[in-house]
Amino acid sequence: MTGVPVAPPSHDRANGDASRPPGCAYASSLCTCTSPPHTPTTPRRRWHLALSHTVPSPGRPGLAEIRTFFAHPDAWGTGITAAVMTATLDRLHDDGYDGAHLRTLRDTPRSRRFYTKSGFTESGATRTHDFGDGTPLAQVEYVRPR
């Protein structure tokens, strides 16, 4: 699978589009998928998407909280997710934050590896959170200084 950035600049918000809403970053690319059942002669084209949303941290003065960081599974391994994280952290730095923190589900090793690879470390703080279905899920906190 090869990723080819094709989003027009007005939609490629990870590249610094000033028209994006505050605290938001996203990127997309169109790829040509040649994995079965698609072959190099009959490729399927699809969009990959990753996005983030940040707010000033309500409990940690000087830090931003990354409330949402999402990448569609089709985007995993394409570099888009890392680009969105870099754009998010650059924007937070430019906005004067001393760093960022986030929470992720304890039992998601892929996301935990990604945050570690992105320079975050576990703070040791944990909590449970009910996302509305009545099942509290364990979360761990990660922090990254500027």
N, C-alpha and C. Protein backbone atom coordinates (compact mmCIF):
# COMPACT_ATOMS: atom_id res chain seq x y z
N MET A 1 0.85 -1.17 0.00
CA MET A 1 0.00 0.00 0.00
C MET A 1 0.89 1.23 0.00
N THR A 2 0.61 2.16 -0.86
CA THR A 2 1.38 3.39 -0.91
C THR A 2 0.47 4.58 -0.65
N GLY A 3 0.89 5.47 0.22
CA GLY A 3 0.10 6.65 0.54
C GLY A 3 0.57 7.83 -0.29
N VAL A 4 -0.36 8.56 -0.85
CA VAL A 4 -0.04 9.73 -1.65
C VAL A 4 -0.85 10.90 -1.11
N PRO A 5 -0.21 11.92 -0.49
CA PRO A 5 -0.97 13.07 0.00
C PRO A 5 -1.65 13.78 -1.16
N VAL A 6 -2.95 13.91 -1.08
CA VAL A 6 -3.67 14.58 -2.16
C VAL A 6 -4.67 15.62 -1.65
N ALA A 7 -4.82 15.74 -0.35
CA ALA A 7 -5.79 16.71 0.15
C ALA A 7 -5.35 18.11 -0.22
N PRO A 8 -6.27 18.94 -0.70
CA PRO A 8 -5.89 20.32 -1.02
C PRO A 8 -5.48 21.05 0.25
N PRO A 9 -4.63 22.09 0.14
CA PRO A 9 -4.15 22.78 1.33
C PRO A 9 -5.25 23.24 2.27
N SER A 10 -6.40 23.62 1.75
CA SER A 10 -7.47 24.10 2.64
C SER A 10 -8.02 22.97 3.51
N HIS A 11 -7.72 21.72 3.18
CA HIS A 11 -8.18 20.61 3.99
C HIS A 11 -7.07 19.90 4.72
N ASP A 12 -5.82 20.21 4.43
CA ASP A 12 -4.70 19.53 5.06
C ASP A 12 -4.29 20.31 6.30
N ARG A 13 -5.02 20.15 7.35
CA ARG A 13 -4.84 20.98 8.52
C ARG A 13 -3.60 20.63 9.32
N ALA A 14 -3.02 19.48 9.11
CA ALA A 14 -1.77 19.16 9.80
C ALA A 14 -0.61 19.97 9.24
N ASN A 15 -0.81 20.60 8.10
CA ASN A 15 0.25 21.41 7.51
C ASN A 15 0.08 22.90 7.82
N GLY A 16 -0.65 23.22 8.88
CA GLY A 16 -0.69 24.59 9.36
C GLY A 16 -1.75 25.48 8.76
N ASP A 17 -2.85 24.92 8.30
CA ASP A 17 -3.93 25.73 7.74
C ASP A 17 -4.50 26.62 8.84
N ALA A 18 -4.41 27.92 8.68
CA ALA A 18 -4.87 28.86 9.70
C ALA A 18 -6.38 28.87 9.87
N SER A 19 -7.13 28.29 8.94
CA SER A 19 -8.59 28.34 9.05
C SER A 19 -9.15 27.23 9.93
N ARG A 20 -8.29 26.36 10.46
CA ARG A 20 -8.81 25.27 11.30
C ARG A 20 -9.35 25.81 12.61
N PRO A 21 -10.34 25.11 13.20
CA PRO A 21 -10.83 25.53 14.50
C PRO A 21 -9.72 25.43 15.54
N PRO A 22 -9.73 26.26 16.58
CA PRO A 22 -8.71 26.19 17.61
C PRO A 22 -8.66 24.79 18.22
N GLY A 23 -7.46 24.31 18.45
CA GLY A 23 -7.28 23.02 19.11
C GLY A 23 -7.47 21.82 18.22
N CYS A 24 -7.64 21.99 16.91
CA CYS A 24 -7.88 20.86 16.02
C CYS A 24 -6.76 20.72 15.00
N ALA A 25 -6.45 19.48 14.69
CA ALA A 25 -5.51 19.17 13.61
C ALA A 25 -5.99 17.90 12.95
N TYR A 26 -5.85 17.83 11.65
CA TYR A 26 -6.12 16.57 10.98
C TYR A 26 -5.37 16.51 9.67
N ALA A 27 -5.26 15.31 9.16
CA ALA A 27 -4.59 15.11 7.87
C ALA A 27 -5.28 13.97 7.17
N SER A 28 -5.18 13.96 5.88
CA SER A 28 -5.74 12.86 5.10
C SER A 28 -4.86 12.62 3.90
N SER A 29 -4.92 11.40 3.39
CA SER A 29 -4.23 11.10 2.15
C SER A 29 -5.02 10.03 1.42
N LEU A 30 -4.83 9.98 0.14
CA LEU A 30 -5.47 8.97 -0.68
C LEU A 30 -4.41 7.93 -1.00
N CYS A 31 -4.75 6.66 -0.81
CA CYS A 31 -3.77 5.62 -1.11
C CYS A 31 -4.35 4.68 -2.14
N THR A 32 -3.47 3.99 -2.77
CA THR A 32 -3.87 2.94 -3.69
C THR A 32 -3.55 1.62 -3.00
N CYS A 33 -4.57 0.89 -2.67
CA CYS A 33 -4.43 -0.36 -1.94
C CYS A 33 -4.32 -1.51 -2.93
N THR A 34 -3.23 -2.26 -2.85
CA THR A 34 -3.04 -3.38 -3.76
C THR A 34 -3.05 -4.72 -3.02
N SER A 35 -3.49 -4.70 -1.76
CA SER A 35 -3.55 -5.96 -1.03
C SER A 35 -4.82 -6.71 -1.44
N PRO A 36 -4.84 -8.05 -1.30
CA PRO A 36 -6.01 -8.83 -1.74
C PRO A 36 -7.29 -8.29 -1.12
N PRO A 37 -8.40 -8.28 -1.83
CA PRO A 37 -8.58 -8.83 -3.16
C PRO A 37 -8.19 -7.88 -4.28
N HIS A 38 -7.51 -6.80 -3.96
CA HIS A 38 -7.12 -5.82 -4.97
C HIS A 38 -5.72 -6.15 -5.46
N THR A 39 -5.50 -5.99 -6.70
CA THR A 39 -4.19 -6.28 -7.30
C THR A 39 -3.63 -4.99 -7.86
N PRO A 40 -2.36 -4.99 -8.24
CA PRO A 40 -1.81 -3.76 -8.83
C PRO A 40 -2.57 -3.30 -10.08
N THR A 41 -3.27 -4.20 -10.75
CA THR A 41 -4.00 -3.79 -11.95
C THR A 41 -5.43 -3.36 -11.62
N THR A 42 -5.94 -3.72 -10.43
CA THR A 42 -7.29 -3.30 -10.04
C THR A 42 -7.24 -2.75 -8.61
N PRO A 43 -6.51 -1.67 -8.41
CA PRO A 43 -6.39 -1.14 -7.05
C PRO A 43 -7.68 -0.50 -6.57
N ARG A 44 -7.85 -0.49 -5.27
CA ARG A 44 -8.95 0.22 -4.63
C ARG A 44 -8.35 1.47 -3.99
N ARG A 45 -9.00 2.59 -4.18
CA ARG A 45 -8.51 3.83 -3.59
C ARG A 45 -9.35 4.15 -2.37
N ARG A 46 -8.69 4.61 -1.33
CA ARG A 46 -9.42 4.97 -0.11
C ARG A 46 -8.72 6.12 0.61
N TRP A 47 -9.48 6.81 1.43
CA TRP A 47 -8.93 7.91 2.22
C TRP A 47 -8.51 7.38 3.58
N HIS A 48 -7.40 7.90 4.07
CA HIS A 48 -6.93 7.64 5.43
C HIS A 48 -7.14 8.93 6.21
N LEU A 49 -7.52 8.81 7.48
CA LEU A 49 -7.80 10.00 8.26
C LEU A 49 -7.25 9.86 9.67
N ALA A 50 -6.67 10.93 10.17
CA ALA A 50 -6.27 11.02 11.57
C ALA A 50 -6.63 12.43 12.04
N LEU A 51 -7.01 12.57 13.31
CA LEU A 51 -7.38 13.88 13.83
C LEU A 51 -7.06 13.97 15.30
N SER A 52 -6.99 15.21 15.79
CA SER A 52 -6.79 15.45 17.22
C SER A 52 -7.62 16.65 17.63
N HIS A 53 -7.88 16.70 18.94
CA HIS A 53 -8.56 17.85 19.52
C HIS A 53 -7.94 18.11 20.88
N THR A 54 -7.55 19.35 21.13
CA THR A 54 -6.91 19.71 22.39
C THR A 54 -7.66 20.86 23.06
N VAL A 55 -7.51 20.94 24.38
CA VAL A 55 -8.08 22.02 25.17
C VAL A 55 -7.06 22.38 26.25
N PRO A 56 -7.17 23.58 26.83
CA PRO A 56 -6.33 23.87 28.00
C PRO A 56 -6.66 22.86 29.09
N SER A 57 -5.66 22.35 29.76
CA SER A 57 -5.89 21.35 30.79
C SER A 57 -6.63 21.95 31.97
N PRO A 58 -7.77 21.35 32.34
CA PRO A 58 -8.51 21.90 33.48
C PRO A 58 -7.80 21.66 34.81
N GLY A 59 -6.93 20.66 34.91
CA GLY A 59 -6.30 20.36 36.19
C GLY A 59 -4.80 20.54 36.23
N ARG A 60 -4.21 20.95 35.12
CA ARG A 60 -2.76 21.10 35.06
C ARG A 60 -2.43 22.42 34.38
N PRO A 61 -2.29 23.49 35.15
CA PRO A 61 -1.99 24.80 34.56
C PRO A 61 -0.73 24.74 33.69
N GLY A 62 -0.80 25.38 32.55
CA GLY A 62 0.32 25.45 31.62
C GLY A 62 0.37 24.31 30.62
N LEU A 63 -0.39 23.25 30.86
CA LEU A 63 -0.42 22.12 29.94
C LEU A 63 -1.70 22.13 29.12
N ALA A 64 -1.62 21.54 27.96
CA ALA A 64 -2.82 21.29 27.15
C ALA A 64 -3.21 19.84 27.37
N GLU A 65 -4.48 19.57 27.25
CA GLU A 65 -4.96 18.19 27.32
C GLU A 65 -5.37 17.77 25.91
N ILE A 66 -4.79 16.68 25.45
CA ILE A 66 -5.22 16.11 24.17
C ILE A 66 -6.43 15.25 24.51
N ARG A 67 -7.60 15.77 24.21
CA ARG A 67 -8.84 15.08 24.56
C ARG A 67 -9.16 13.95 23.59
N THR A 68 -8.86 14.18 22.31
CA THR A 68 -9.16 13.20 21.28
C THR A 68 -7.95 13.06 20.38
N PHE A 69 -7.56 11.84 20.14
CA PHE A 69 -6.56 11.57 19.13
C PHE A 69 -6.99 10.29 18.45
N PHE A 70 -7.36 10.39 17.20
CA PHE A 70 -7.97 9.26 16.50
C PHE A 70 -7.30 9.06 15.16
N ALA A 71 -7.08 7.81 14.82
CA ALA A 71 -6.61 7.47 13.48
C ALA A 71 -7.43 6.27 13.01
N HIS A 72 -8.01 6.39 11.85
CA HIS A 72 -8.73 5.26 11.28
C HIS A 72 -7.72 4.13 11.07
N PRO A 73 -8.10 2.89 11.34
CA PRO A 73 -7.16 1.77 11.17
C PRO A 73 -6.48 1.73 9.80
N ASP A 74 -7.15 2.19 8.76
CA ASP A 74 -6.52 2.23 7.44
C ASP A 74 -5.31 3.16 7.41
N ALA A 75 -5.26 4.11 8.35
CA ALA A 75 -4.16 5.07 8.38
C ALA A 75 -2.96 4.56 9.18
N TRP A 76 -3.14 3.50 9.97
CA TRP A 76 -2.04 3.00 10.78
C TRP A 76 -0.88 2.58 9.89
N GLY A 77 0.31 3.03 10.24
CA GLY A 77 1.49 2.65 9.50
C GLY A 77 1.77 3.50 8.26
N THR A 78 0.93 4.50 7.99
CA THR A 78 1.13 5.32 6.80
C THR A 78 1.94 6.59 7.08
N GLY A 79 2.15 6.93 8.34
CA GLY A 79 2.84 8.17 8.70
C GLY A 79 1.91 9.33 8.95
N ILE A 80 0.64 9.17 8.62
CA ILE A 80 -0.32 10.26 8.82
C ILE A 80 -0.51 10.55 10.30
N THR A 81 -0.63 9.50 11.09
CA THR A 81 -0.87 9.68 12.52
C THR A 81 0.29 10.43 13.17
N ALA A 82 1.51 10.05 12.83
CA ALA A 82 2.68 10.75 13.37
C ALA A 82 2.69 12.21 12.92
N ALA A 83 2.28 12.48 11.68
CA ALA A 83 2.23 13.85 11.18
C ALA A 83 1.22 14.68 11.95
N VAL A 84 0.08 14.09 12.27
CA VAL A 84 -0.94 14.82 13.04
C VAL A 84 -0.44 15.08 14.46
N MET A 85 0.23 14.09 15.07
CA MET A 85 0.77 14.31 16.42
C MET A 85 1.82 15.42 16.39
N THR A 86 2.70 15.40 15.40
CA THR A 86 3.72 16.45 15.28
C THR A 86 3.06 17.81 15.11
N ALA A 87 2.06 17.90 14.25
CA ALA A 87 1.36 19.17 14.03
C ALA A 87 0.66 19.63 15.31
N THR A 88 0.07 18.69 16.03
CA THR A 88 -0.61 19.02 17.29
C THR A 88 0.38 19.58 18.29
N LEU A 89 1.49 18.90 18.48
CA LEU A 89 2.50 19.34 19.45
C LEU A 89 3.15 20.65 19.03
N ASP A 90 3.39 20.83 17.74
CA ASP A 90 3.95 22.10 17.25
C ASP A 90 2.99 23.25 17.53
N ARG A 91 1.71 23.02 17.29
CA ARG A 91 0.71 24.07 17.53
C ARG A 91 0.63 24.42 19.02
N LEU A 92 0.68 23.39 19.87
CA LEU A 92 0.63 23.65 21.31
C LEU A 92 1.87 24.44 21.75
N HIS A 93 3.02 24.11 21.21
CA HIS A 93 4.24 24.85 21.51
C HIS A 93 4.10 26.30 21.06
N ASP A 94 3.63 26.49 19.82
CA ASP A 94 3.44 27.85 19.30
C ASP A 94 2.44 28.65 20.12
N ASP A 95 1.47 27.94 20.70
CA ASP A 95 0.46 28.61 21.52
C ASP A 95 0.93 28.85 22.95
N GLY A 96 2.16 28.44 23.27
CA GLY A 96 2.75 28.75 24.57
C GLY A 96 2.54 27.72 25.66
N TYR A 97 2.04 26.56 25.34
CA TYR A 97 1.85 25.53 26.37
C TYR A 97 3.21 24.94 26.77
N ASP A 98 3.31 24.55 28.04
CA ASP A 98 4.53 23.94 28.57
C ASP A 98 4.64 22.46 28.23
N GLY A 99 3.59 21.90 27.70
CA GLY A 99 3.56 20.48 27.35
C GLY A 99 2.13 20.03 27.19
N ALA A 100 1.96 18.72 27.16
CA ALA A 100 0.61 18.17 26.97
C ALA A 100 0.47 16.88 27.78
N HIS A 101 -0.77 16.56 28.06
CA HIS A 101 -1.06 15.27 28.67
C HIS A 101 -2.30 14.70 28.01
N LEU A 102 -2.47 13.40 28.16
CA LEU A 102 -3.62 12.71 27.57
C LEU A 102 -3.88 11.45 28.37
N ARG A 103 -5.03 10.88 28.13
CA ARG A 103 -5.39 9.59 28.74
C ARG A 103 -5.74 8.63 27.62
N THR A 104 -5.36 7.40 27.81
CA THR A 104 -5.71 6.36 26.85
C THR A 104 -6.13 5.12 27.62
N LEU A 105 -6.84 4.25 26.95
CA LEU A 105 -7.28 3.03 27.62
C LEU A 105 -6.08 2.18 28.02
N ARG A 106 -6.14 1.64 29.22
CA ARG A 106 -5.04 0.84 29.74
C ARG A 106 -4.75 -0.36 28.85
N ASP A 107 -5.79 -0.96 28.30
CA ASP A 107 -5.65 -2.21 27.56
C ASP A 107 -5.55 -2.01 26.05
N THR A 108 -4.89 -0.94 25.62
CA THR A 108 -4.67 -0.70 24.19
C THR A 108 -3.18 -0.55 23.93
N PRO A 109 -2.48 -1.66 23.78
CA PRO A 109 -1.02 -1.58 23.62
C PRO A 109 -0.58 -0.79 22.38
N ARG A 110 -1.36 -0.81 21.31
CA ARG A 110 -0.97 -0.07 20.10
C ARG A 110 -0.93 1.43 20.39
N SER A 111 -1.97 1.96 21.01
CA SER A 111 -1.98 3.40 21.29
C SER A 111 -0.91 3.76 22.31
N ARG A 112 -0.67 2.91 23.28
CA ARG A 112 0.34 3.19 24.29
C ARG A 112 1.74 3.22 23.67
N ARG A 113 2.01 2.32 22.75
CA ARG A 113 3.29 2.34 22.04
C ARG A 113 3.43 3.62 21.21
N PHE A 114 2.34 4.01 20.55
CA PHE A 114 2.38 5.21 19.73
C PHE A 114 2.70 6.44 20.58
N TYR A 115 2.05 6.59 21.73
CA TYR A 115 2.30 7.76 22.57
C TYR A 115 3.72 7.75 23.11
N THR A 116 4.23 6.58 23.47
CA THR A 116 5.62 6.49 23.92
C THR A 116 6.57 6.88 22.79
N LYS A 117 6.31 6.38 21.58
CA LYS A 117 7.13 6.71 20.42
C LYS A 117 7.07 8.22 20.12
N SER A 118 5.96 8.85 20.49
CA SER A 118 5.77 10.29 20.25
C SER A 118 6.35 11.15 21.36
N GLY A 119 7.06 10.54 22.31
CA GLY A 119 7.73 11.30 23.36
C GLY A 119 6.97 11.44 24.67
N PHE A 120 5.84 10.78 24.80
CA PHE A 120 5.07 10.82 26.04
C PHE A 120 5.59 9.74 26.99
N THR A 121 5.43 10.00 28.29
CA THR A 121 5.75 9.00 29.30
C THR A 121 4.55 8.85 30.22
N GLU A 122 4.41 7.66 30.79
CA GLU A 122 3.33 7.44 31.75
C GLU A 122 3.57 8.29 32.99
N SER A 123 2.53 8.95 33.45
CA SER A 123 2.65 9.79 34.65
C SER A 123 2.44 8.98 35.92
N GLY A 124 1.83 7.81 35.79
CA GLY A 124 1.47 7.01 36.97
C GLY A 124 0.03 7.22 37.39
N ALA A 125 -0.60 8.26 36.86
CA ALA A 125 -2.00 8.53 37.20
C ALA A 125 -2.92 7.59 36.40
N THR A 126 -3.93 7.08 37.07
CA THR A 126 -4.92 6.22 36.43
C THR A 126 -6.30 6.68 36.85
N ARG A 127 -7.29 6.26 36.10
CA ARG A 127 -8.68 6.52 36.46
C ARG A 127 -9.54 5.55 35.67
N THR A 128 -10.79 5.46 36.07
CA THR A 128 -11.76 4.74 35.25
C THR A 128 -12.73 5.78 34.69
N HIS A 129 -13.21 5.51 33.50
CA HIS A 129 -14.12 6.44 32.84
C HIS A 129 -15.23 5.66 32.15
N ASP A 130 -16.46 6.09 32.36
CA ASP A 130 -17.62 5.50 31.69
C ASP A 130 -17.93 6.36 30.47
N PHE A 131 -17.85 5.77 29.30
CA PHE A 131 -18.10 6.51 28.07
C PHE A 131 -19.58 6.55 27.71
N GLY A 132 -20.44 6.17 28.66
CA GLY A 132 -21.88 6.30 28.45
C GLY A 132 -22.62 4.99 28.32
N ASP A 133 -21.90 3.88 28.34
CA ASP A 133 -22.59 2.60 28.20
C ASP A 133 -22.70 1.84 29.52
N GLY A 134 -22.30 2.49 30.63
CA GLY A 134 -22.40 1.87 31.93
C GLY A 134 -21.24 0.96 32.29
N THR A 135 -20.21 0.92 31.45
CA THR A 135 -19.05 0.08 31.71
C THR A 135 -17.82 0.95 31.91
N PRO A 136 -17.39 1.16 33.15
CA PRO A 136 -16.19 1.96 33.37
C PRO A 136 -14.95 1.24 32.82
N LEU A 137 -14.11 1.99 32.12
CA LEU A 137 -12.89 1.43 31.54
C LEU A 137 -11.67 2.10 32.17
N ALA A 138 -10.63 1.30 32.41
CA ALA A 138 -9.40 1.81 33.02
C ALA A 138 -8.62 2.63 32.00
N GLN A 139 -8.15 3.79 32.44
CA GLN A 139 -7.33 4.66 31.61
C GLN A 139 -6.02 4.97 32.33
N VAL A 140 -4.98 5.21 31.55
CA VAL A 140 -3.69 5.65 32.07
C VAL A 140 -3.37 7.00 31.45
N GLU A 141 -2.62 7.80 32.20
CA GLU A 141 -2.26 9.14 31.74
C GLU A 141 -0.84 9.14 31.22
N TYR A 142 -0.64 9.88 30.12
CA TYR A 142 0.68 10.12 29.55
C TYR A 142 0.94 11.61 29.52
N VAL A 143 2.20 12.01 29.73
CA VAL A 143 2.59 13.43 29.77
C VAL A 143 3.80 13.61 28.86
N ARG A 144 3.84 14.77 28.21
CA ARG A 144 5.00 15.12 27.38
C ARG A 144 5.32 16.59 27.63
N PRO A 145 6.52 16.86 28.14
CA PRO A 145 6.91 18.26 28.31
C PRO A 145 7.23 18.88 26.97
N ARG A 146 7.31 20.20 26.97
CA ARG A 146 7.64 20.93 25.74
C ARG A 146 8.99 20.49 25.31
